[in-house]
Amino acid sequence: MYTNITESDFIGWFQSHRPNNFSYKGLKALNFYLESLEEDTGEEINFDPIALCCEYTEYSDIEEFNENYNYDCKTLVDIEEHTTVIQIENSSSFIIQDF
């Protein structure tokens, strides 16, 4: 049994229950990424917000990512060698799939 959620439902849930996990723009980018993934694979994704909070992290910039992972990446392309990167429009922020 599935309930289809809209982008507004997706963003609203996180803002109400886990407001510190992702920015508004980050939630829009993550929702778009997940919807695109569903279209590409032909498989529906179960909305499990706690799992999403554990699987994805938003970073304000590459320096913050490097500090967290103890890496010396210079660009998002360098990070993409390790994991999925979801760029956040008009921002230096991005989301990665944790590894």
PDB file of N, CA and C in Angstrom:
ATOM      1  N   MET A   1       0.848  -1.164   0.000  1.00  0.00           N
ATOM      2  CA  MET A   1       0.000   0.000   0.000  1.00  0.00           C
ATOM      3  C   MET A   1       0.903   1.238   0.000  1.00  0.00           C
ATOM      4  N   TYR A   2       0.684   2.122  -0.968  1.00  0.00           N
ATOM      5  CA  TYR A   2       1.504   3.319  -1.100  1.00  0.00           C
ATOM      6  C   TYR A   2       0.633   4.562  -1.091  1.00  0.00           C
ATOM      7  N   THR A   3       1.174   5.624  -0.548  1.00  0.00           N
ATOM      8  CA  THR A   3       0.571   6.943  -0.638  1.00  0.00           C
ATOM      9  C   THR A   3       1.536   7.810  -1.417  1.00  0.00           C
ATOM     10  N   ASN A   4       1.064   8.425  -2.469  1.00  0.00           N
ATOM     11  CA  ASN A   4       1.899   9.306  -3.260  1.00  0.00           C
ATOM     12  C   ASN A   4       2.021  10.639  -2.530  1.00  0.00           C
ATOM     13  N   ILE A   5       3.244  11.103  -2.295  1.00  0.00           N
ATOM     14  CA  ILE A   5       3.420  12.387  -1.620  1.00  0.00           C
ATOM     15  C   ILE A   5       3.934  13.416  -2.617  1.00  0.00           C
ATOM     16  N   THR A   6       3.511  14.632  -2.415  1.00  0.00           N
ATOM     17  CA  THR A   6       3.943  15.726  -3.272  1.00  0.00           C
ATOM     18  C   THR A   6       5.241  16.319  -2.730  1.00  0.00           C
ATOM     19  N   GLU A   7       5.838  17.197  -3.516  1.00  0.00           N
ATOM     20  CA  GLU A   7       7.030  17.898  -3.048  1.00  0.00           C
ATOM     21  C   GLU A   7       6.692  18.683  -1.774  1.00  0.00           C
ATOM     22  N   SER A   8       5.524  19.277  -1.736  1.00  0.00           N
ATOM     23  CA  SER A   8       5.093  20.039  -0.566  1.00  0.00           C
ATOM     24  C   SER A   8       4.967  19.143   0.670  1.00  0.00           C
ATOM     25  N   ASP A   9       4.399  17.940   0.501  1.00  0.00           N
ATOM     26  CA  ASP A   9       4.304  16.976   1.604  1.00  0.00           C
ATOM     27  C   ASP A   9       5.700  16.593   2.099  1.00  0.00           C
ATOM     28  N   PHE A  10       6.586  16.326   1.158  1.00  0.00           N
ATOM     29  CA  PHE A  10       7.962  15.917   1.456  1.00  0.00           C
ATOM     30  C   PHE A  10       8.658  16.999   2.292  1.00  0.00           C
ATOM     31  N   ILE A  11       8.627  18.226   1.787  1.00  0.00           N
ATOM     32  CA  ILE A  11       9.279  19.336   2.483  1.00  0.00           C
ATOM     33  C   ILE A  11       8.613  19.596   3.833  1.00  0.00           C
ATOM     34  N   GLY A  12       7.292  19.573   3.856  1.00  0.00           N
ATOM     35  CA  GLY A  12       6.556  19.841   5.085  1.00  0.00           C
ATOM     36  C   GLY A  12       6.879  18.850   6.189  1.00  0.00           C
ATOM     37  N   TRP A  13       7.003  17.563   5.832  1.00  0.00           N
ATOM     38  CA  TRP A  13       7.307  16.560   6.850  1.00  0.00           C
ATOM     39  C   TRP A  13       8.645  16.873   7.510  1.00  0.00           C
ATOM     40  N   PHE A  14       9.663  17.117   6.689  1.00  0.00           N
ATOM     41  CA  PHE A  14      10.992  17.383   7.241  1.00  0.00           C
ATOM     42  C   PHE A  14      11.019  18.671   8.050  1.00  0.00           C
ATOM     43  N   GLN A  15      10.361  19.716   7.564  1.00  0.00           N
ATOM     44  CA  GLN A  15      10.369  20.976   8.291  1.00  0.00           C
ATOM     45  C   GLN A  15       9.652  20.851   9.634  1.00  0.00           C
ATOM     46  N   SER A  16       8.656  19.973   9.708  1.00  0.00           N
ATOM     47  CA  SER A  16       7.915  19.782  10.957  1.00  0.00           C
ATOM     48  C   SER A  16       8.612  18.848  11.934  1.00  0.00           C
ATOM     49  N   HIS A  17       9.245  17.794  11.411  1.00  0.00           N
ATOM     50  CA  HIS A  17       9.767  16.741  12.280  1.00  0.00           C
ATOM     51  C   HIS A  17      11.296  16.698  12.396  1.00  0.00           C
ATOM     52  N   ARG A  18      12.003  17.103  11.367  1.00  0.00           N
ATOM     53  CA  ARG A  18      13.476  17.061  11.362  1.00  0.00           C
ATOM     54  C   ARG A  18      14.018  18.344  10.725  1.00  0.00           C
ATOM     55  N   PRO A  19      13.726  19.503  11.307  1.00  0.00           N
ATOM     56  CA  PRO A  19      14.061  20.773  10.659  1.00  0.00           C
ATOM     57  C   PRO A  19      15.553  21.055  10.519  1.00  0.00           C
ATOM     58  N   ASN A  20      16.397  20.335  11.221  1.00  0.00           N
ATOM     59  CA  ASN A  20      17.834  20.602  11.157  1.00  0.00           C
ATOM     60  C   ASN A  20      18.600  19.693  10.202  1.00  0.00           C
ATOM     61  N   ASN A  21      17.908  18.767   9.540  1.00  0.00           N
ATOM     62  CA  ASN A  21      18.608  17.846   8.656  1.00  0.00           C
ATOM     63  C   ASN A  21      18.949  18.447   7.291  1.00  0.00           C
ATOM     64  N   PHE A  22      18.005  19.186   6.712  1.00  0.00           N
ATOM     65  CA  PHE A  22      18.203  19.722   5.365  1.00  0.00           C
ATOM     66  C   PHE A  22      17.602  21.122   5.288  1.00  0.00           C
ATOM     67  N   SER A  23      18.223  21.960   4.468  1.00  0.00           N
ATOM     68  CA  SER A  23      17.664  23.285   4.201  1.00  0.00           C
ATOM     69  C   SER A  23      16.460  23.134   3.269  1.00  0.00           C
ATOM     70  N   TYR A  24      15.701  24.212   3.120  1.00  0.00           N
ATOM     71  CA  TYR A  24      14.559  24.193   2.205  1.00  0.00           C
ATOM     72  C   TYR A  24      15.027  23.857   0.788  1.00  0.00           C
ATOM     73  N   LYS A  25      16.086  24.538   0.322  1.00  0.00           N
ATOM     74  CA  LYS A  25      16.613  24.258  -1.020  1.00  0.00           C
ATOM     75  C   LYS A  25      17.163  22.831  -1.106  1.00  0.00           C
ATOM     76  N   GLY A  26      17.758  22.362  -0.018  1.00  0.00           N
ATOM     77  CA  GLY A  26      18.261  20.996   0.013  1.00  0.00           C
ATOM     78  C   GLY A  26      17.133  19.984  -0.112  1.00  0.00           C
ATOM     79  N   LEU A  27      16.020  20.246   0.560  1.00  0.00           N
ATOM     80  CA  LEU A  27      14.864  19.347   0.466  1.00  0.00           C
ATOM     81  C   LEU A  27      14.300  19.320  -0.942  1.00  0.00           C
ATOM     82  N   LYS A  28      14.257  20.473  -1.603  1.00  0.00           N
ATOM     83  CA  LYS A  28      13.779  20.518  -2.989  1.00  0.00           C
ATOM     84  C   LYS A  28      14.705  19.691  -3.881  1.00  0.00           C
ATOM     85  N   ALA A  29      16.011  19.832  -3.684  1.00  0.00           N
ATOM     86  CA  ALA A  29      16.980  19.093  -4.495  1.00  0.00           C
ATOM     87  C   ALA A  29      16.900  17.595  -4.224  1.00  0.00           C
ATOM     88  N   LEU A  30      16.769  17.208  -2.958  1.00  0.00           N
ATOM     89  CA  LEU A  30      16.680  15.791  -2.603  1.00  0.00           C
ATOM     90  C   LEU A  30      15.401  15.182  -3.156  1.00  0.00           C
ATOM     91  N   ASN A  31      14.293  15.887  -3.033  1.00  0.00           N
ATOM     92  CA  ASN A  31      13.029  15.393  -3.574  1.00  0.00           C
ATOM     93  C   ASN A  31      13.128  15.205  -5.084  1.00  0.00           C
ATOM     94  N   PHE A  32      13.698  16.179  -5.786  1.00  0.00           N
ATOM     95  CA  PHE A  32      13.865  16.076  -7.235  1.00  0.00           C
ATOM     96  C   PHE A  32      14.746  14.877  -7.590  1.00  0.00           C
ATOM     97  N   TYR A  33      15.843  14.708  -6.852  1.00  0.00           N
ATOM     98  CA  TYR A  33      16.740  13.579  -7.098  1.00  0.00           C
ATOM     99  C   TYR A  33      16.000  12.249  -6.926  1.00  0.00           C
ATOM    100  N   LEU A  34      15.246  12.114  -5.841  1.00  0.00           N
ATOM    101  CA  LEU A  34      14.546  10.850  -5.570  1.00  0.00           C
ATOM    102  C   LEU A  34      13.463  10.582  -6.608  1.00  0.00           C
ATOM    103  N   GLU A  35      12.739  11.633  -7.036  1.00  0.00           N
ATOM    104  CA  GLU A  35      11.732  11.457  -8.078  1.00  0.00           C
ATOM    105  C   GLU A  35      12.385  11.054  -9.400  1.00  0.00           C
ATOM    106  N   SER A  36      13.524  11.648  -9.715  1.00  0.00           N
ATOM    107  CA  SER A  36      14.258  11.283 -10.934  1.00  0.00           C
ATOM    108  C   SER A  36      14.752   9.851 -10.863  1.00  0.00           C
ATOM    109  N   LEU A  37      15.207   9.439  -9.690  1.00  0.00           N
ATOM    110  CA  LEU A  37      15.670   8.062  -9.494  1.00  0.00           C
ATOM    111  C   LEU A  37      14.523   7.084  -9.726  1.00  0.00           C
ATOM    112  N   GLU A  38      13.338   7.412  -9.229  1.00  0.00           N
ATOM    113  CA  GLU A  38      12.169   6.559  -9.464  1.00  0.00           C
ATOM    114  C   GLU A  38      11.880   6.429 -10.954  1.00  0.00           C
ATOM    115  N   GLU A  39      11.919   7.552 -11.668  1.00  0.00           N
ATOM    116  CA  GLU A  39      11.660   7.535 -13.106  1.00  0.00           C
ATOM    117  C   GLU A  39      12.716   6.725 -13.849  1.00  0.00           C
ATOM    118  N   ASP A  40      13.980   6.901 -13.479  1.00  0.00           N
ATOM    119  CA  ASP A  40      15.079   6.206 -14.153  1.00  0.00           C
ATOM    120  C   ASP A  40      15.046   4.701 -13.931  1.00  0.00           C
ATOM    121  N   THR A  41      14.687   4.285 -12.718  1.00  0.00           N
ATOM    122  CA  THR A  41      14.713   2.851 -12.391  1.00  0.00           C
ATOM    123  C   THR A  41      13.370   2.175 -12.608  1.00  0.00           C
ATOM    124  N   GLY A  42      12.291   2.966 -12.687  1.00  0.00           N
ATOM    125  CA  GLY A  42      10.962   2.388 -12.825  1.00  0.00           C
ATOM    126  C   GLY A  42      10.435   1.781 -11.534  1.00  0.00           C
ATOM    127  N   GLU A  43      11.101   2.057 -10.421  1.00  0.00           N
ATOM    128  CA  GLU A  43      10.692   1.516  -9.125  1.00  0.00           C
ATOM    129  C   GLU A  43      10.310   2.646  -8.184  1.00  0.00           C
ATOM    130  N   GLU A  44       9.197   2.452  -7.462  1.00  0.00           N
ATOM    131  CA  GLU A  44       8.787   3.443  -6.485  1.00  0.00           C
ATOM    132  C   GLU A  44       9.691   3.365  -5.256  1.00  0.00           C
ATOM    133  N   ILE A  45       9.947   4.523  -4.680  1.00  0.00           N
ATOM    134  CA  ILE A  45      10.749   4.598  -3.460  1.00  0.00           C
ATOM    135  C   ILE A  45       9.800   4.800  -2.292  1.00  0.00           C
ATOM    136  N   ASN A  46       9.943   3.993  -1.282  1.00  0.00           N
ATOM    137  CA  ASN A  46       9.144   4.118  -0.071  1.00  0.00           C
ATOM    138  C   ASN A  46       9.613   5.354   0.700  1.00  0.00           C
ATOM    139  N   PHE A  47       8.686   6.229   1.075  1.00  0.00           N
ATOM    140  CA  PHE A  47       9.034   7.425   1.841  1.00  0.00           C
ATOM    141  C   PHE A  47       9.357   7.019   3.273  1.00  0.00           C
ATOM    142  N   ASP A  48      10.633   6.965   3.559  1.00  0.00           N
ATOM    143  CA  ASP A  48      11.131   6.626   4.893  1.00  0.00           C
ATOM    144  C   ASP A  48      12.047   7.774   5.323  1.00  0.00           C
ATOM    145  N   PRO A  49      11.476   8.826   5.898  1.00  0.00           N
ATOM    146  CA  PRO A  49      12.267  10.021   6.183  1.00  0.00           C
ATOM    147  C   PRO A  49      13.420   9.801   7.153  1.00  0.00           C
ATOM    148  N   ILE A  50      13.258   8.905   8.102  1.00  0.00           N
ATOM    149  CA  ILE A  50      14.358   8.645   9.039  1.00  0.00           C
ATOM    150  C   ILE A  50      15.522   7.998   8.300  1.00  0.00           C
ATOM    151  N   ALA A  51      15.226   7.069   7.405  1.00  0.00           N
ATOM    152  CA  ALA A  51      16.283   6.454   6.590  1.00  0.00           C
ATOM    153  C   ALA A  51      16.964   7.509   5.728  1.00  0.00           C
ATOM    154  N   LEU A  52      16.200   8.428   5.159  1.00  0.00           N
ATOM    155  CA  LEU A  52      16.795   9.489   4.339  1.00  0.00           C
ATOM    156  C   LEU A  52      17.728  10.360   5.167  1.00  0.00           C
ATOM    157  N   CYS A  53      17.349  10.631   6.408  1.00  0.00           N
ATOM    158  CA  CYS A  53      18.218  11.420   7.301  1.00  0.00           C
ATOM    159  C   CYS A  53      19.517  10.679   7.609  1.00  0.00           C
ATOM    160  N   CYS A  54      19.463   9.353   7.630  1.00  0.00           N
ATOM    161  CA  CYS A  54      20.653   8.544   7.903  1.00  0.00           C
ATOM    162  C   CYS A  54      21.497   8.327   6.649  1.00  0.00           C
ATOM    163  N   GLU A  55      20.870   8.333   5.485  1.00  0.00           N
ATOM    164  CA  GLU A  55      21.558   8.017   4.239  1.00  0.00           C
ATOM    165  C   GLU A  55      22.125   9.226   3.516  1.00  0.00           C
ATOM    166  N   TYR A  56      21.594  10.415   3.784  1.00  0.00           N
ATOM    167  CA  TYR A  56      22.008  11.623   3.064  1.00  0.00           C
ATOM    168  C   TYR A  56      22.370  12.720   4.058  1.00  0.00           C
ATOM    169  N   THR A  57      23.382  13.514   3.689  1.00  0.00           N
ATOM    170  CA  THR A  57      23.805  14.645   4.524  1.00  0.00           C
ATOM    171  C   THR A  57      24.023  15.853   3.634  1.00  0.00           C
ATOM    172  N   GLU A  58      23.562  16.991   4.118  1.00  0.00           N
ATOM    173  CA  GLU A  58      23.771  18.250   3.407  1.00  0.00           C
ATOM    174  C   GLU A  58      25.002  18.956   3.983  1.00  0.00           C
ATOM    175  N   TYR A  59      25.838  19.454   3.096  1.00  0.00           N
ATOM    176  CA  TYR A  59      27.026  20.212   3.488  1.00  0.00           C
ATOM    177  C   TYR A  59      26.936  21.614   2.909  1.00  0.00           C
ATOM    178  N   SER A  60      27.401  22.593   3.658  1.00  0.00           N
ATOM    179  CA  SER A  60      27.348  23.975   3.196  1.00  0.00           C
ATOM    180  C   SER A  60      28.415  24.272   2.150  1.00  0.00           C
ATOM    181  N   ASP A  61      29.507  23.504   2.167  1.00  0.00           N
ATOM    182  CA  ASP A  61      30.572  23.680   1.182  1.00  0.00           C
ATOM    183  C   ASP A  61      31.532  22.485   1.234  1.00  0.00           C
ATOM    184  N   ILE A  62      32.485  22.470   0.333  1.00  0.00           N
ATOM    185  CA  ILE A  62      33.436  21.356   0.232  1.00  0.00           C
ATOM    186  C   ILE A  62      34.306  21.272   1.484  1.00  0.00           C
ATOM    187  N   GLU A  63      34.639  22.408   2.075  1.00  0.00           N
ATOM    188  CA  GLU A  63      35.472  22.399   3.274  1.00  0.00           C
ATOM    189  C   GLU A  63      34.787  21.634   4.418  1.00  0.00           C
ATOM    190  N   GLU A  64      33.491  21.853   4.577  1.00  0.00           N
ATOM    191  CA  GLU A  64      32.756  21.141   5.624  1.00  0.00           C
ATOM    192  C   GLU A  64      32.759  19.630   5.357  1.00  0.00           C
ATOM    193  N   PHE A  65      32.571  19.254   4.096  1.00  0.00           N
ATOM    194  CA  PHE A  65      32.643  17.839   3.726  1.00  0.00           C
ATOM    195  C   PHE A  65      34.026  17.275   4.063  1.00  0.00           C
ATOM    196  N   ASN A  66      35.082  17.982   3.656  1.00  0.00           N
ATOM    197  CA  ASN A  66      36.449  17.522   3.904  1.00  0.00           C
ATOM    198  C   ASN A  66      36.728  17.346   5.392  1.00  0.00           C
ATOM    199  N   GLU A  67      36.231  18.249   6.203  1.00  0.00           N
ATOM    200  CA  GLU A  67      36.419  18.135   7.651  1.00  0.00           C
ATOM    201  C   GLU A  67      35.721  16.890   8.197  1.00  0.00           C
ATOM    202  N   ASN A  68      34.528  16.629   7.716  1.00  0.00           N
ATOM    203  CA  ASN A  68      33.756  15.495   8.214  1.00  0.00           C
ATOM    204  C   ASN A  68      34.373  14.162   7.795  1.00  0.00           C
ATOM    205  N   TYR A  69      34.853  14.090   6.558  1.00  0.00           N
ATOM    206  CA  TYR A  69      35.394  12.827   6.044  1.00  0.00           C
ATOM    207  C   TYR A  69      36.918  12.760   6.097  1.00  0.00           C
ATOM    208  N   ASN A  70      37.557  13.830   6.552  1.00  0.00           N
ATOM    209  CA  ASN A  70      39.011  13.888   6.604  1.00  0.00           C
ATOM    210  C   ASN A  70      39.612  13.634   5.215  1.00  0.00           C
ATOM    211  N   TYR A  71      39.034  14.303   4.209  1.00  0.00           N
ATOM    212  CA  TYR A  71      39.480  14.214   2.821  1.00  0.00           C
ATOM    213  C   TYR A  71      40.077  15.551   2.422  1.00  0.00           C
ATOM    214  N   ASP A  72      40.610  15.594   1.211  1.00  0.00           N
ATOM    215  CA  ASP A  72      41.140  16.832   0.656  1.00  0.00           C
ATOM    216  C   ASP A  72      40.598  17.020  -0.763  1.00  0.00           C
ATOM    217  N   CYS A  73      39.288  16.920  -0.911  1.00  0.00           N
ATOM    218  CA  CYS A  73      38.656  17.105  -2.215  1.00  0.00           C
ATOM    219  C   CYS A  73      38.657  18.590  -2.560  1.00  0.00           C
ATOM    220  N   LYS A  74      38.889  18.882  -3.828  1.00  0.00           N
ATOM    221  CA  LYS A  74      38.917  20.269  -4.296  1.00  0.00           C
ATOM    222  C   LYS A  74      37.622  20.668  -4.998  1.00  0.00           C
ATOM    223  N   THR A  75      36.943  19.692  -5.606  1.00  0.00           N
ATOM    224  CA  THR A  75      35.735  19.974  -6.378  1.00  0.00           C
ATOM    225  C   THR A  75      34.671  18.919  -6.087  1.00  0.00           C
ATOM    226  N   LEU A  76      33.454  19.198  -6.524  1.00  0.00           N
ATOM    227  CA  LEU A  76      32.386  18.211  -6.385  1.00  0.00           C
ATOM    228  C   LEU A  76      32.667  16.968  -7.226  1.00  0.00           C
ATOM    229  N   VAL A  77      33.376  17.137  -8.323  1.00  0.00           N
ATOM    230  CA  VAL A  77      33.759  15.986  -9.155  1.00  0.00           C
ATOM    231  C   VAL A  77      34.638  15.041  -8.346  1.00  0.00           C
ATOM    232  N   ASP A  78      35.526  15.585  -7.528  1.00  0.00           N
ATOM    233  CA  ASP A  78      36.368  14.749  -6.657  1.00  0.00           C
ATOM    234  C   ASP A  78      35.493  13.947  -5.687  1.00  0.00           C
ATOM    235  N   ILE A  79      34.469  14.584  -5.147  1.00  0.00           N
ATOM    236  CA  ILE A  79      33.578  13.900  -4.206  1.00  0.00           C
ATOM    237  C   ILE A  79      32.765  12.834  -4.930  1.00  0.00           C
ATOM    238  N   GLU A  80      32.362  13.124  -6.175  1.00  0.00           N
ATOM    239  CA  GLU A  80      31.576  12.167  -6.962  1.00  0.00           C
ATOM    240  C   GLU A  80      32.337  10.871  -7.234  1.00  0.00           C
ATOM    241  N   GLU A  81      33.653  10.887  -7.074  1.00  0.00           N
ATOM    242  CA  GLU A  81      34.429   9.657  -7.211  1.00  0.00           C
ATOM    243  C   GLU A  81      34.146   8.694  -6.060  1.00  0.00           C
ATOM    244  N   HIS A  82      33.573   9.213  -4.968  1.00  0.00           N
ATOM    245  CA  HIS A  82      33.307   8.409  -3.778  1.00  0.00           C
ATOM    246  C   HIS A  82      31.833   8.095  -3.568  1.00  0.00           C
ATOM    247  N   THR A  83      30.950   8.986  -4.043  1.00  0.00           N
ATOM    248  CA  THR A  83      29.528   8.836  -3.724  1.00  0.00           C
ATOM    249  C   THR A  83      28.669   9.702  -4.639  1.00  0.00           C
ATOM    250  N   THR A  84      27.376   9.595  -4.460  1.00  0.00           N
ATOM    251  CA  THR A  84      26.420  10.430  -5.174  1.00  0.00           C
ATOM    252  C   THR A  84      26.428  11.834  -4.585  1.00  0.00           C
ATOM    253  N   VAL A  85      26.453  12.835  -5.459  1.00  0.00           N
ATOM    254  CA  VAL A  85      26.405  14.237  -5.044  1.00  0.00           C
ATOM    255  C   VAL A  85      25.164  14.871  -5.669  1.00  0.00           C
ATOM    256  N   ILE A  86      24.372  15.518  -4.843  1.00  0.00           N
ATOM    257  CA  ILE A  86      23.180  16.233  -5.296  1.00  0.00           C
ATOM    258  C   ILE A  86      23.453  17.711  -5.104  1.00  0.00           C
ATOM    259  N   GLN A  87      23.632  18.408  -6.213  1.00  0.00           N
ATOM    260  CA  GLN A  87      23.938  19.836  -6.127  1.00  0.00           C
ATOM    261  C   GLN A  87      22.677  20.626  -5.782  1.00  0.00           C
ATOM    262  N   ILE A  88      22.857  21.670  -5.004  1.00  0.00           N
ATOM    263  CA  ILE A  88      21.760  22.549  -4.624  1.00  0.00           C
ATOM    264  C   ILE A  88      21.897  23.832  -5.440  1.00  0.00           C
ATOM    265  N   GLU A  89      20.864  24.117  -6.204  1.00  0.00           N
ATOM    266  CA  GLU A  89      20.865  25.225  -7.146  1.00  0.00           C
ATOM    267  C   GLU A  89      21.223  26.556  -6.490  1.00  0.00           C
ATOM    268  N   ASN A  90      22.041  27.349  -7.197  1.00  0.00           N
ATOM    269  CA  ASN A  90      22.431  28.696  -6.749  1.00  0.00           C
ATOM    270  C   ASN A  90      23.019  28.706  -5.347  1.00  0.00           C
ATOM    271  N   SER A  91      23.886  27.730  -5.075  1.00  0.00           N
ATOM    272  CA  SER A  91      24.434  27.598  -3.733  1.00  0.00           C
ATOM    273  C   SER A  91      25.742  26.833  -3.791  1.00  0.00           C
ATOM    274  N   SER A  92      26.576  27.011  -2.779  1.00  0.00           N
ATOM    275  CA  SER A  92      27.780  26.173  -2.654  1.00  0.00           C
ATOM    276  C   SER A  92      27.451  24.899  -1.873  1.00  0.00           C
ATOM    277  N   SER A  93      26.213  24.804  -1.385  1.00  0.00           N
ATOM    278  CA  SER A  93      25.775  23.631  -0.617  1.00  0.00           C
ATOM    279  C   SER A  93      25.474  22.461  -1.546  1.00  0.00           C
ATOM    280  N   PHE A  94      25.544  21.255  -0.973  1.00  0.00           N
ATOM    281  CA  PHE A  94      25.240  20.043  -1.713  1.00  0.00           C
ATOM    282  C   PHE A  94      24.898  18.950  -0.726  1.00  0.00           C
ATOM    283  N   ILE A  95      24.287  17.891  -1.239  1.00  0.00           N
ATOM    284  CA  ILE A  95      23.923  16.726  -0.430  1.00  0.00           C
ATOM    285  C   ILE A  95      24.688  15.544  -0.988  1.00  0.00           C
ATOM    286  N   ILE A  96      25.166  14.697  -0.091  1.00  0.00           N
ATOM    287  CA  ILE A  96      25.801  13.462  -0.540  1.00  0.00           C
ATOM    288  C   ILE A  96      25.059  12.261   0.049  1.00  0.00           C
ATOM    289  N   GLN A  97      25.215  11.139  -0.642  1.00  0.00           N
ATOM    290  CA  GLN A  97      24.780   9.881  -0.062  1.00  0.00           C
ATOM    291  C   GLN A  97      25.932   9.421   0.817  1.00  0.00           C
ATOM    292  N   ASP A  98      25.666   9.294   2.116  1.00  0.00           N
ATOM    293  CA  ASP A  98      26.722   8.962   3.067  1.00  0.00           C
ATOM    294  C   ASP A  98      27.379   7.628   2.727  1.00  0.00           C
ATOM    295  N   PHE A  99      28.667   7.564   3.017  1.00  0.00           N
ATOM    296  CA  PHE A  99      29.420   6.331   2.759  1.00  0.00           C
ATOM    297  C   PHE A  99      30.380   6.076   3.888  1.00  0.00           C
TER     298      PHE A  99
END
